Amino acid sequence: MKKVLYVPLDDRPANLDDVIVQGRSAGIQLIVPDREDIANRLDSKAVAEDGQLVSTSSPTYGKTRNIFRFIREHAAQADGFIISTDMLAYGGLIGSRRLRSSAGGAYPDYDPETTKLLDVVREVKRAYPRKPVYVLDTIMRLATTVFVEGLTQAAYDEARAFAQQPRAVATTFEGILEGYDTKPDGTSFGEPTLFDKEQYYNARRHKFKTNRYIIERLVREGYVDFLAVGVDDSYTQGVQANEIAYLEAFVNEHLGGTGGQNPDKAIILPDADALGYSLLGRMAKELHQYGSRPKYGVKYFGPDGSTIVNPYEYMSVHDNIRHHVDIVGGEFVDTSAYDIEIVAVTSSSEIGAAVSRMEANSAGRIPTLVIDFVGGGAADATVTEALLDSVSTGQLLGYSAWNTAGNKIGMALGMAQARFVYLGTEKRPPALQEAVNAHGSLLFKRFLKDYYYKKITIAEIRTYSRAHTLYSNVPYADQNIRLFNSPEDYKVLVEMLRERMQANTEALAARKAFELGVSQNVWRIKPSGWSYATYACASLDYDNPAFIWERAFEITLGPEVTLKEC
């Protein structure tokens, strides 16, 4: 089994647990740091007076020096590398956007401790020049993280609205660093009420220097084979616009790109939490020596993706799909001559036609993935119910309805790419068995989480948590359940979660898509045709579901599905 050293963005399931299972679905073992070294958590302490929350503190960030040592110590064991520079340099996503009293010195010597950490990437490539090294980086989101280092919901809302305001155009690096507070008319912004804008700008300055260091000192100099830059929580205008334009211009001028992108070297797009999925799809193609780029086509069922821009993104859904195809190592084509079809559902009224298309693809042996763009941050009920009523859903190579459009796309495409290249290259029955179980488990999980939890059960969790808040000035207690609910109510919420998800697992296993003994998944793709495995068992350990970040939005969830070769 191939081995990939993987440093995730943080320890949330989308960035860690899911990618580990995705790797197994493609015959790849991920070598990951100790969980305590990549743990990220919201504030764990609260100060209150007379039933009112006064402040919060004590978040948890990843241990950057331990990550540095981990890479050094395990590099020899790996066949390839996927490294989050946010985790390596800042201890994770929330650490990369924490407020700062200083932006550091002048580039490139802005922060010797940070650049020393980043330079382990150079060290690895020099030591193992033939091993692929992929890096995922992010452009800082519009606001920092709510309930981290005391940032309140009101402060977060103010900061995000503040960051969305257009800035004067700046094209030089120094001009961007100095122009964060400059309006298009040349005047400055006023003082925010609830957060320190200079500390916020310092955070951006430091992160943007790191963005430049990575693309200039590591990618351009040949120490990174591929860079994926995710723009986390973005907007069509605002404080990120000049940063995005600068990096796109760098790709064009120094990395041979066109339109700010180069499918062979660097892609910049709206996403963050699915970049691990996407890069593992690319890595699977490389390590399994698949050869040519798999060709992808898209069919929209509802409005065309070129007409849709997600509220948390700056790029159309269609462009986001095209560039995610670039990240996974595929080729997007506008003709009908493709290897894999993306069924993109953009209107619930078109789900009947989408299901018919999916079923026709199944009958015609056309590998397919489905993305639900209708439901916002969760699966749409109408769309999902129709999908679960079809046995062809159990044969999908990829699926997602989770969170932003970029997240959905990256997850579904990463799943499909990794699985497709493995199905076309692996021949050993024991390896195929382990991989089909992993893929079945991940596909089952996506529906269990994106629909049964994020659409149904989360509402009950939120209602109970908010009704039992400890503080009268915290209406959304579910954003930090352990801190804003009593220990007794927290216990009730955990038990509620586990009971509901047990029932949901049984309900999902009874649907046509995953019906035990009836529904099938693709076992192998070969020139003579496809072979299949039948769903035989689906279970969820009772103690598995948990509030990993102590908030309703994110839970651990690890169902195990077993299939049997037909």
Protein backbone atom coordinates (compact mmCIF):
# COMPACT_ATOMS: atom_id res chain seq x y z
CA MET A 1 0.00 0.00 0.00
CA LYS A 2 1.29 3.45 -0.92
CA LYS A 3 1.96 5.85 1.95
CA VAL A 4 1.40 9.61 2.03
CA LEU A 5 2.61 11.91 4.79
CA TYR A 6 -0.38 14.16 5.42
CA VAL A 7 -0.40 17.30 7.56
CA PRO A 8 -4.05 18.41 7.67
CA LEU A 9 -5.45 21.92 8.00
CA ASP A 10 -6.72 20.91 11.45
CA ASP A 11 -8.34 17.93 13.15
CA ARG A 12 -11.93 18.46 12.06
CA PRO A 13 -13.34 15.37 10.28
CA ALA A 14 -13.46 17.05 6.86
CA ASN A 15 -9.73 17.65 7.06
CA LEU A 16 -8.60 14.50 8.84
CA ASP A 17 -10.91 11.50 9.42
CA ASP A 18 -12.59 11.69 6.01
CA VAL A 19 -9.32 12.02 4.14
CA ILE A 20 -7.89 8.99 5.96
CA VAL A 21 -10.89 6.90 4.84
CA GLN A 22 -10.66 8.39 1.33
CA GLY A 23 -7.05 7.25 1.21
CA ARG A 24 -8.04 3.69 2.12
CA SER A 25 -10.64 3.77 -0.67
CA ALA A 26 -7.75 4.31 -3.08
CA GLY A 27 -5.16 1.98 -1.55
CA ILE A 28 -3.27 4.75 0.22
CA GLN A 29 -2.25 4.82 3.87
CA LEU A 30 -1.98 8.28 5.37
CA ILE A 31 0.79 8.97 7.86
CA VAL A 32 -0.61 11.71 10.10
CA PRO A 33 0.67 13.59 13.17
CA ASP A 34 -0.48 12.75 16.69
CA ARG A 35 -3.99 14.10 17.14
CA GLU A 36 -3.01 16.23 20.12
CA ASP A 37 -0.45 17.99 17.92
CA ILE A 38 -3.04 19.06 15.33
CA ALA A 39 -5.95 19.73 17.70
CA ASN A 40 -7.74 23.05 17.26
CA ARG A 41 -10.41 24.13 19.73
CA LEU A 42 -12.50 27.20 20.47
CA ASP A 43 -12.18 29.07 23.77
CA SER A 44 -12.54 26.74 26.76
CA LYS A 45 -12.90 29.27 29.60
CA ALA A 46 -15.62 31.82 30.30
CA VAL A 47 -15.98 34.77 32.67
CA ALA A 48 -19.53 35.73 33.63
CA GLU A 49 -21.29 38.18 35.93
CA ASP A 50 -24.95 38.11 36.97
CA GLY A 51 -25.91 35.62 34.28
CA GLN A 52 -24.16 37.58 31.52
CA LEU A 53 -21.13 36.38 29.57
CA VAL A 54 -18.27 38.84 29.98
CA SER A 55 -15.45 37.15 28.06
CA THR A 56 -14.03 33.86 26.77
CA SER A 57 -10.44 32.66 26.48
CA SER A 58 -8.05 29.70 26.20
CA PRO A 59 -8.35 28.26 22.68
CA THR A 60 -6.17 25.38 21.44
CA TYR A 61 -3.87 25.52 18.44
CA GLY A 62 -1.71 22.90 16.79
CA LYS A 63 1.87 22.43 17.96
CA THR A 64 3.95 23.75 15.07
CA ARG A 65 7.33 22.56 16.30
CA ASN A 66 5.98 19.04 16.76
CA ILE A 67 4.61 19.15 13.20
CA PHE A 68 8.05 20.25 11.97
CA ARG A 69 9.67 17.28 13.72
CA PHE A 70 6.96 14.92 12.51
CA ILE A 71 7.68 15.77 8.89
CA ARG A 72 11.40 15.30 9.35
CA GLU A 73 11.06 12.02 11.23
CA HIS A 74 8.57 10.36 8.86
CA ALA A 75 9.65 11.69 5.47
CA ALA A 76 11.62 8.56 4.59
CA GLN A 77 8.54 6.35 5.05
CA ALA A 78 6.35 8.31 2.66
CA ASP A 79 5.85 7.96 -1.08
CA GLY A 80 4.44 11.49 -1.26
CA PHE A 81 3.57 14.53 0.84
CA ILE A 82 0.48 16.69 1.33
CA ILE A 83 1.26 19.50 3.76
CA SER A 84 -0.94 22.25 5.15
CA THR A 85 1.24 25.29 5.65
CA ASP A 86 -1.39 26.80 7.94
CA MET A 87 -0.88 23.91 10.34
CA LEU A 88 2.88 23.87 9.88
CA ALA A 89 3.39 27.62 10.39
CA TYR A 90 0.43 28.66 12.56
CA GLY A 91 -0.99 25.54 14.21
CA GLY A 92 -4.06 25.34 11.97
CA LEU A 93 -6.68 27.45 10.28
CA ILE A 94 -7.87 29.36 13.34
CA GLY A 95 -4.27 30.00 14.38
CA SER A 96 -3.45 31.47 10.97
CA ARG A 97 -5.98 34.26 11.41
CA ARG A 98 -5.53 35.18 15.10
CA LEU A 99 -5.17 38.89 15.82
CA ARG A 100 -1.59 40.19 16.09
CA SER A 101 0.06 43.14 17.77
CA SER A 102 2.79 43.05 15.11
CA ALA A 103 2.89 42.07 11.44
CA GLY A 104 6.53 41.04 11.71
CA GLY A 105 9.45 42.54 9.81
CA ALA A 106 10.04 43.28 6.15
CA TYR A 107 9.62 40.46 3.66
CA PRO A 108 11.28 37.98 3.24
CA ASP A 109 12.80 38.13 6.75
CA TYR A 110 9.48 38.99 8.34
CA ASP A 111 9.47 36.16 10.89
CA PRO A 112 12.48 33.79 11.09
CA GLU A 113 10.58 31.29 13.24
CA THR A 114 7.77 31.02 10.67
CA THR A 115 10.08 30.75 7.67
CA LYS A 116 12.21 28.12 9.44
CA LEU A 117 9.10 26.00 9.89
CA LEU A 118 8.11 26.46 6.25
CA ASP A 119 11.60 25.58 5.05
CA VAL A 120 11.14 21.97 6.12
CA VAL A 121 9.28 21.66 2.80
CA ARG A 122 12.50 22.66 1.01
CA GLU A 123 14.42 20.19 3.13
CA VAL A 124 12.07 17.32 2.24
CA LYS A 125 12.21 17.99 -1.50
CA ARG A 126 15.97 18.20 -1.50
CA ALA A 127 16.20 14.90 0.36
CA TYR A 128 13.58 13.12 -1.78
CA PRO A 129 13.44 14.89 -5.16
CA ARG A 130 11.36 12.17 -6.83
CA LYS A 131 8.60 12.13 -4.24
CA PRO A 132 5.65 14.44 -5.05
CA VAL A 133 5.24 17.32 -2.61
CA TYR A 134 1.85 19.06 -2.56
CA VAL A 135 1.05 22.06 -0.38
CA LEU A 136 -2.29 23.53 0.64
CA ASP A 137 -2.30 27.15 1.76
CA THR A 138 -5.07 29.66 2.44
CA ILE A 139 -5.67 33.35 1.95
CA MET A 140 -6.97 34.65 5.27
CA ARG A 141 -10.73 34.72 5.59
CA LEU A 142 -12.73 37.93 6.00
CA ALA A 143 -12.98 37.67 9.79
CA THR A 144 -11.21 35.81 12.55
CA THR A 145 -12.95 33.01 14.46
CA VAL A 146 -15.93 33.59 16.71
CA PHE A 147 -15.35 32.58 20.35
CA VAL A 148 -11.60 32.30 19.88
CA GLU A 149 -9.50 34.61 22.05
CA GLY A 150 -12.65 36.38 23.20
CA LEU A 151 -14.11 37.34 19.81
CA THR A 152 -17.86 37.58 20.30
CA GLN A 153 -20.54 36.91 17.72
CA ALA A 154 -21.24 40.63 17.45
CA ALA A 155 -17.54 41.36 16.92
CA TYR A 156 -17.30 38.64 14.30
CA ASP A 157 -20.31 40.04 12.43
CA GLU A 158 -18.84 43.54 12.53
CA ALA A 159 -15.43 42.33 11.38
CA ARG A 160 -16.85 40.37 8.45
CA ALA A 161 -18.99 43.29 7.25
CA PHE A 162 -15.98 45.60 7.67
CA ALA A 163 -13.76 43.30 5.60
CA GLN A 164 -16.35 43.04 2.81
CA GLN A 165 -16.11 46.76 2.05
CA PRO A 166 -14.18 47.52 -1.17
CA ARG A 167 -10.57 48.71 -0.87
CA ALA A 168 -8.54 50.86 -3.22
CA VAL A 169 -6.86 48.80 -5.91
CA ALA A 170 -3.23 47.99 -5.09
CA THR A 171 -1.00 45.82 -7.29
CA THR A 172 2.38 45.92 -5.55
CA PHE A 173 3.14 43.79 -2.52
CA GLU A 174 3.96 46.77 -0.29
CA GLY A 175 0.98 48.66 -1.64
CA ILE A 176 -1.33 45.85 -0.57
CA LEU A 177 0.20 45.66 2.92
CA GLU A 178 -0.17 49.42 3.36
CA GLY A 179 -3.58 49.73 1.71
CA TYR A 180 -5.84 47.53 3.83
CA ASP A 181 -7.46 50.59 5.40
CA THR A 182 -7.82 52.62 2.21
CA LYS A 183 -11.22 53.08 0.57
CA PRO A 184 -11.53 53.42 -3.23
CA ASP A 185 -11.80 57.20 -2.78
CA GLY A 186 -8.48 57.29 -0.90
CA THR A 187 -9.89 57.94 2.56
CA SER A 188 -9.53 55.69 5.58
CA PHE A 189 -12.14 53.56 7.28
CA GLY A 190 -13.48 54.53 10.66
CA GLU A 191 -12.74 52.72 13.91
CA PRO A 192 -14.74 49.54 14.49
CA THR A 193 -16.62 49.30 17.76
CA LEU A 194 -15.95 45.71 18.79
CA PHE A 195 -12.54 44.72 17.41
CA ASP A 196 -9.09 46.26 16.90
CA LYS A 197 -8.68 46.86 13.18
CA GLU A 198 -4.91 47.37 13.39
CA GLN A 199 -4.43 43.97 15.02
CA TYR A 200 -6.69 42.54 12.32
CA TYR A 201 -4.61 44.17 9.58
CA ASN A 202 -1.43 42.85 11.21
CA ALA A 203 -2.86 39.35 11.04
CA ARG A 204 -3.53 39.82 7.34
CA ARG A 205 -0.09 41.29 6.71
CA HIS A 206 1.67 38.40 8.41
CA LYS A 207 -0.42 35.79 6.61
CA PHE A 208 0.01 37.48 3.24
CA LYS A 209 3.80 37.54 3.71
CA THR A 210 3.57 33.81 4.31
CA ASN A 211 1.44 33.38 1.18
CA ARG A 212 4.15 35.13 -0.83
CA TYR A 213 6.98 33.19 0.82
CA ILE A 214 5.35 29.88 -0.07
CA ILE A 215 4.62 30.69 -3.70
CA GLU A 216 7.88 32.56 -4.32
CA ARG A 217 10.49 30.75 -2.21
CA LEU A 218 9.06 27.24 -2.27
CA VAL A 219 6.91 26.82 -5.38
CA ARG A 220 8.81 28.96 -7.88
CA GLU A 221 12.15 27.55 -6.73
CA GLY A 222 10.92 24.01 -7.37
CA TYR A 223 10.46 22.63 -3.86
CA VAL A 224 6.70 22.21 -4.23
CA ASP A 225 5.27 20.20 -7.11
CA PHE A 226 1.76 21.56 -6.73
CA LEU A 227 0.16 24.34 -4.68
CA ALA A 228 -3.54 24.66 -3.90
CA VAL A 229 -4.49 28.03 -2.39
CA GLY A 230 -7.93 28.18 -0.82
CA VAL A 231 -9.62 31.51 -0.23
CA ASP A 232 -11.51 30.82 2.96
CA ASP A 233 -14.81 32.68 3.53
CA SER A 234 -14.47 35.08 0.61
CA TYR A 235 -16.54 37.73 -1.13
CA THR A 236 -16.78 39.34 -4.56
CA GLN A 237 -15.08 42.45 -3.22
CA GLY A 238 -13.29 43.54 -0.07
CA VAL A 239 -10.03 43.14 1.78
CA GLN A 240 -9.01 39.89 0.04
CA ALA A 241 -9.38 41.14 -3.53
CA ASN A 242 -5.90 42.64 -3.92
CA GLU A 243 -4.29 39.59 -2.28
CA ILE A 244 -6.05 37.23 -4.69
CA ALA A 245 -5.11 39.37 -7.70
CA TYR A 246 -1.47 39.51 -6.60
CA LEU A 247 -1.14 35.73 -6.30
CA GLU A 248 -2.95 35.19 -9.61
CA ALA A 249 -0.57 37.64 -11.30
CA PHE A 250 2.37 35.78 -9.76
CA VAL A 251 1.10 32.50 -11.21
CA ASN A 252 0.85 34.12 -14.64
CA GLU A 253 4.21 35.87 -14.56
CA HIS A 254 6.40 33.33 -12.78
CA LEU A 255 4.68 29.94 -12.98
CA GLY A 256 3.53 29.91 -16.60
CA GLY A 257 -0.13 30.37 -15.76
CA THR A 258 -3.09 31.76 -17.65
CA GLY A 259 -5.92 33.61 -15.99
CA GLY A 260 -4.17 33.25 -12.64
CA GLN A 261 -4.11 29.45 -12.76
CA ASN A 262 -1.75 26.68 -13.84
CA PRO A 263 -3.17 23.13 -13.59
CA ASP A 264 0.39 21.76 -13.40
CA LYS A 265 1.71 24.07 -10.67
CA ALA A 266 -0.82 26.17 -8.74
CA ILE A 267 -4.57 26.76 -8.47
CA ILE A 268 -6.29 29.50 -6.43
CA LEU A 269 -10.01 29.20 -5.66
CA PRO A 270 -12.70 29.47 -2.96
CA ASP A 271 -12.29 26.51 -0.57
CA ALA A 272 -10.30 25.44 2.48
CA ASP A 273 -11.81 22.43 4.22
CA ALA A 274 -11.89 20.22 1.11
CA LEU A 275 -8.36 20.84 -0.14
CA GLY A 276 -7.14 17.67 1.58
CA TYR A 277 -9.77 15.66 -0.32
CA SER A 278 -8.76 17.30 -3.61
CA LEU A 279 -5.02 16.90 -3.23
CA LEU A 280 -5.38 13.27 -2.21
CA GLY A 281 -7.28 12.72 -5.46
CA ARG A 282 -4.33 14.20 -7.32
CA MET A 283 -1.86 12.15 -5.28
CA ALA A 284 -3.74 8.91 -6.05
CA LYS A 285 -3.35 9.54 -9.77
CA GLU A 286 0.36 10.21 -9.32
CA LEU A 287 1.18 7.27 -7.06
CA HIS A 288 -0.89 4.74 -9.00
CA GLN A 289 0.68 6.01 -12.24
CA TYR A 290 -2.67 6.36 -13.92
CA GLY A 291 -1.21 8.29 -16.83
CA SER A 292 -3.51 10.66 -18.71
CA ARG A 293 -5.74 13.12 -16.91
CA PRO A 294 -9.26 11.72 -16.42
CA LYS A 295 -11.72 13.89 -18.34
CA TYR A 296 -14.66 15.44 -16.48
CA GLY A 297 -17.88 16.87 -17.84
CA VAL A 298 -20.71 18.55 -15.94
CA LYS A 299 -24.49 18.50 -16.40
CA TYR A 300 -26.52 21.09 -14.49
CA PHE A 301 -30.00 20.30 -13.29
CA GLY A 302 -31.28 23.76 -12.55
CA PRO A 303 -29.55 27.09 -13.27
CA ASP A 304 -26.17 26.88 -14.99
CA GLY A 305 -23.27 27.12 -12.55
CA SER A 306 -21.87 30.11 -14.41
CA THR A 307 -24.83 32.13 -13.09
CA ILE A 308 -24.34 31.18 -9.43
CA VAL A 309 -21.89 32.72 -6.93
CA ASN A 310 -22.05 31.28 -3.44
CA PRO A 311 -22.51 33.87 -0.62
CA TYR A 312 -19.12 32.91 0.86
CA GLU A 313 -17.19 32.90 -2.42
CA TYR A 314 -15.95 35.22 -5.18
CA MET A 315 -16.02 32.77 -8.10
CA SER A 316 -18.94 31.19 -9.96
CA VAL A 317 -19.86 27.59 -9.24
CA HIS A 318 -18.89 26.63 -12.79
CA ASP A 319 -15.42 28.17 -12.55
CA ASN A 320 -15.01 26.62 -9.12
CA ILE A 321 -15.78 23.19 -10.57
CA ARG A 322 -13.35 23.70 -13.45
CA HIS A 323 -10.50 24.68 -11.15
CA HIS A 324 -11.21 21.91 -8.66
CA VAL A 325 -10.91 19.50 -11.58
CA ASP A 326 -7.47 21.02 -12.14
CA ILE A 327 -6.50 20.43 -8.51
CA VAL A 328 -7.46 16.75 -8.51
CA GLY A 329 -5.41 16.22 -11.66
CA GLY A 330 -8.27 15.91 -14.10
CA GLU A 331 -9.18 17.73 -17.30
CA PHE A 332 -12.44 19.63 -17.65
CA VAL A 333 -14.05 19.28 -21.09
CA ASP A 334 -17.12 20.88 -22.64
CA THR A 335 -17.85 17.95 -24.96
CA SER A 336 -19.65 14.69 -24.20
CA ALA A 337 -16.38 12.73 -24.56
CA TYR A 338 -15.42 12.43 -20.92
CA ASP A 339 -14.55 9.71 -18.42
CA ILE A 340 -16.50 10.95 -15.41
CA GLU A 341 -19.71 12.97 -15.24
CA ILE A 342 -20.52 15.55 -12.59
CA VAL A 343 -24.26 15.71 -11.92
CA ALA A 344 -24.67 19.18 -10.42
CA VAL A 345 -28.10 19.75 -8.86
CA THR A 346 -28.83 23.47 -8.63
CA SER A 347 -32.64 23.32 -8.32
CA SER A 348 -34.75 20.86 -6.35
CA SER A 349 -37.39 21.01 -9.09
CA GLU A 350 -34.94 19.27 -11.44
CA ILE A 351 -34.02 16.38 -9.16
CA GLY A 352 -36.20 13.93 -11.09
CA ALA A 353 -34.21 14.57 -14.25
CA ALA A 354 -30.96 14.43 -12.29
CA VAL A 355 -31.82 11.01 -10.86
CA SER A 356 -32.81 9.76 -14.30
CA ARG A 357 -29.45 10.92 -15.63
CA MET A 358 -27.61 9.23 -12.77
CA GLU A 359 -29.50 5.98 -13.37
CA ALA A 360 -28.82 6.11 -17.11
CA ASN A 361 -25.13 6.61 -16.34
CA SER A 362 -25.21 3.60 -14.04
CA ALA A 363 -26.76 1.45 -16.75
CA GLY A 364 -24.28 2.77 -19.31
CA ARG A 365 -21.27 2.29 -17.02
CA ILE A 366 -20.41 6.00 -16.88
CA PRO A 367 -18.65 6.89 -13.60
CA THR A 368 -20.67 9.59 -11.86
CA LEU A 369 -20.54 11.94 -8.92
CA VAL A 370 -23.34 14.10 -7.56
CA ILE A 371 -23.11 17.51 -5.90
CA ASP A 372 -26.13 19.06 -4.16
CA PHE A 373 -25.87 22.85 -4.48
CA VAL A 374 -29.49 23.44 -3.46
CA GLY A 375 -29.38 23.10 0.30
CA GLY A 376 -26.79 25.74 1.17
CA GLY A 377 -24.65 24.35 3.98
CA ALA A 378 -26.54 21.06 4.22
CA ALA A 379 -28.31 18.59 1.95
CA ASP A 380 -31.65 19.64 0.52
CA ALA A 381 -34.49 17.39 1.68
CA THR A 382 -36.21 17.06 -1.72
CA VAL A 383 -32.95 16.34 -3.50
CA THR A 384 -31.71 13.85 -0.93
CA GLU A 385 -34.95 11.91 -0.59
CA ALA A 386 -34.99 11.38 -4.36
CA LEU A 387 -31.35 10.28 -4.38
CA LEU A 388 -31.88 7.82 -1.55
CA ASP A 389 -34.81 6.28 -3.42
CA SER A 390 -32.45 5.18 -6.21
CA VAL A 391 -30.15 2.14 -6.08
CA SER A 392 -27.79 3.98 -8.45
CA THR A 393 -26.87 6.38 -5.65
CA GLY A 394 -25.03 3.54 -3.93
CA GLN A 395 -22.75 3.28 -6.98
CA LEU A 396 -21.60 6.92 -6.99
CA LEU A 397 -17.87 7.61 -7.01
CA GLY A 398 -18.40 10.86 -5.13
CA TYR A 399 -21.07 12.92 -3.42
CA SER A 400 -21.32 15.93 -1.12
CA ALA A 401 -23.76 18.55 0.09
CA TRP A 402 -21.59 19.85 2.95
CA ASN A 403 -21.06 23.54 3.60
CA THR A 404 -19.89 25.99 0.90
CA ALA A 405 -19.93 25.31 -2.82
CA GLY A 406 -16.15 24.96 -2.82
CA ASN A 407 -16.28 22.44 0.01
CA LYS A 408 -18.93 20.36 -1.76
CA ILE A 409 -17.01 20.36 -5.02
CA GLY A 410 -13.66 19.48 -3.48
CA MET A 411 -15.07 16.63 -1.41
CA ALA A 412 -17.06 15.02 -4.22
CA LEU A 413 -14.32 15.43 -6.84
CA GLY A 414 -11.57 14.27 -4.50
CA MET A 415 -13.56 11.13 -3.65
CA ALA A 416 -14.29 10.41 -7.30
CA GLN A 417 -10.77 11.01 -8.62
CA ALA A 418 -9.07 8.87 -5.97
CA ARG A 419 -11.56 6.05 -6.41
CA PHE A 420 -11.58 6.17 -10.23
CA VAL A 421 -7.83 5.86 -10.70
CA TYR A 422 -7.65 3.06 -8.13
CA LEU A 423 -10.46 1.08 -9.72
CA GLY A 424 -8.66 1.27 -13.03
CA THR A 425 -5.25 0.16 -11.74
CA GLU A 426 -5.67 -2.26 -8.82
CA LYS A 427 -6.14 -5.99 -9.51
CA ARG A 428 -5.59 -7.74 -6.14
CA PRO A 429 -8.89 -8.94 -4.59
CA PRO A 430 -7.88 -8.36 -0.91
CA ALA A 431 -6.86 -4.79 -1.68
CA LEU A 432 -10.04 -4.19 -3.68
CA GLN A 433 -12.11 -5.50 -0.76
CA GLU A 434 -10.55 -3.17 1.78
CA ALA A 435 -10.90 -0.24 -0.61
CA VAL A 436 -14.57 -0.85 -1.45
CA ASN A 437 -15.42 -1.02 2.25
CA ALA A 438 -13.68 2.31 2.79
CA HIS A 439 -15.42 3.95 -0.17
CA GLY A 440 -18.80 2.58 0.86
CA SER A 441 -18.25 3.89 4.38
CA LEU A 442 -17.31 7.37 3.15
CA LEU A 443 -20.22 7.57 0.71
CA PHE A 444 -22.61 6.38 3.43
CA LYS A 445 -21.15 8.94 5.83
CA ARG A 446 -21.69 11.83 3.46
CA PHE A 447 -25.43 11.15 3.41
CA LEU A 448 -25.54 10.38 7.12
CA LYS A 449 -23.83 13.65 7.97
CA ASP A 450 -24.88 16.03 5.20
CA TYR A 451 -28.55 15.10 5.43
CA TYR A 452 -29.47 13.13 8.54
CA TYR A 453 -27.33 15.25 10.83
CA LYS A 454 -26.88 18.62 9.15
CA LYS A 455 -30.46 18.87 7.91
CA ILE A 456 -32.44 17.01 10.56
CA THR A 457 -30.74 16.23 13.86
CA ILE A 458 -28.80 19.48 14.17
CA ALA A 459 -32.06 21.40 14.46
CA GLU A 460 -33.00 19.49 17.60
CA ILE A 461 -29.52 19.93 19.04
CA ARG A 462 -29.59 23.67 18.43
CA THR A 463 -33.08 24.12 19.82
CA TYR A 464 -32.23 22.37 23.09
CA SER A 465 -28.86 24.09 23.47
CA ARG A 466 -30.25 27.57 22.85
CA ALA A 467 -33.20 26.98 25.18
CA HIS A 468 -30.79 26.01 27.98
CA THR A 469 -28.11 28.67 27.58
CA LEU A 470 -26.29 29.66 30.76
CA TYR A 471 -26.07 33.31 29.75
CA SER A 472 -28.86 35.66 28.79
CA ASN A 473 -26.65 37.53 26.32
CA VAL A 474 -25.63 34.35 24.41
CA PRO A 475 -28.57 33.42 22.16
CA TYR A 476 -26.59 30.86 20.14
CA ALA A 477 -25.28 28.57 22.86
CA ASP A 478 -24.80 25.79 20.30
CA GLN A 479 -21.71 27.61 19.00
CA ASN A 480 -19.78 26.46 22.07
CA ILE A 481 -21.93 23.87 23.81
CA ARG A 482 -19.57 22.84 26.57
CA LEU A 483 -18.94 26.46 27.53
CA PHE A 484 -22.45 27.90 27.19
CA ASN A 485 -24.51 24.96 28.49
CA SER A 486 -24.32 23.33 31.91
CA PRO A 487 -22.50 19.99 32.35
CA GLU A 488 -25.89 18.34 32.86
CA ASP A 489 -27.29 19.81 29.65
CA TYR A 490 -24.11 18.96 27.77
CA LYS A 491 -24.59 15.34 28.80
CA VAL A 492 -28.18 15.46 27.56
CA LEU A 493 -27.01 16.86 24.23
CA VAL A 494 -24.37 14.18 23.77
CA GLU A 495 -26.86 11.43 24.53
CA MET A 496 -29.40 13.04 22.20
CA LEU A 497 -26.80 13.14 19.43
CA ARG A 498 -25.84 9.50 19.87
CA GLU A 499 -29.38 8.18 20.09
CA ARG A 500 -30.49 10.11 17.02
CA MET A 501 -27.49 9.07 14.95
CA GLN A 502 -28.02 5.40 15.82
CA ALA A 503 -31.58 5.68 14.54
CA ASN A 504 -30.39 7.64 11.50
CA THR A 505 -27.84 4.97 10.64
CA GLU A 506 -30.54 2.30 10.67
CA ALA A 507 -32.83 4.48 8.58
CA LEU A 508 -30.15 5.22 5.98
CA ALA A 509 -29.15 1.56 5.69
CA ALA A 510 -32.78 0.73 4.89
CA ARG A 511 -32.99 3.16 1.95
CA LYS A 512 -32.74 1.85 -1.62
CA ALA A 513 -29.41 3.58 -2.13
CA PHE A 514 -27.74 1.42 0.51
CA GLU A 515 -30.22 -1.44 0.94
CA LEU A 516 -28.37 -4.39 2.43
CA GLY A 517 -28.13 -7.38 0.15
CA VAL A 518 -29.56 -5.43 -2.80
CA SER A 519 -27.68 -2.21 -3.56
CA GLN A 520 -24.21 -2.37 -5.06
CA ASN A 521 -21.03 -0.35 -5.34
CA VAL A 522 -18.37 -0.54 -8.01
CA TRP A 523 -15.71 -3.11 -7.12
CA ARG A 524 -13.45 -2.63 -10.11
CA ILE A 525 -13.40 -0.94 -13.52
CA LYS A 526 -11.64 -2.94 -16.25
CA PRO A 527 -11.72 -3.04 -20.06
CA SER A 528 -14.13 -5.97 -20.06
CA GLY A 529 -16.62 -4.14 -17.83
CA TRP A 530 -17.42 -3.36 -14.24
CA SER A 531 -17.62 -5.73 -11.30
CA TYR A 532 -19.57 -4.94 -8.14
CA ALA A 533 -19.84 -5.53 -4.41
CA THR A 534 -23.14 -5.63 -2.51
CA TYR A 535 -23.80 -3.66 0.67
CA ALA A 536 -23.84 -6.23 3.48
CA CYS A 537 -23.65 -4.31 6.76
CA ALA A 538 -23.71 -0.75 8.09
CA SER A 539 -23.07 0.25 11.68
CA LEU A 540 -22.08 3.21 13.85
CA ASP A 541 -20.29 2.77 17.16
CA TYR A 542 -22.54 4.26 19.84
CA ASP A 543 -19.79 6.40 21.36
CA ASN A 544 -18.48 7.64 18.02
CA PRO A 545 -20.59 10.78 17.43
CA ALA A 546 -19.21 13.68 19.45
CA PHE A 547 -19.00 17.45 19.31
CA ILE A 548 -15.34 17.63 18.37
CA TRP A 549 -15.21 21.45 18.48
CA GLU A 550 -17.90 21.60 21.18
CA ARG A 551 -20.33 23.16 18.73
CA ALA A 552 -23.35 21.82 16.92
CA PHE A 553 -21.93 22.69 13.49
CA GLU A 554 -19.27 19.98 13.56
CA ILE A 555 -19.37 16.40 14.83
CA THR A 556 -17.24 13.32 14.51
CA LEU A 557 -19.00 10.55 12.64
CA GLY A 558 -17.43 7.29 11.50
CA PRO A 559 -19.92 4.73 10.19
CA GLU A 560 -18.48 1.44 9.02
CA VAL A 561 -19.91 -0.21 5.93
CA THR A 562 -19.01 -3.70 4.70
CA LEU A 563 -19.61 -4.93 1.16
CA LYS A 564 -19.27 -8.37 -0.44
CA GLU A 565 -18.04 -9.06 -3.95
CA CYS A 566 -20.84 -10.19 -6.24
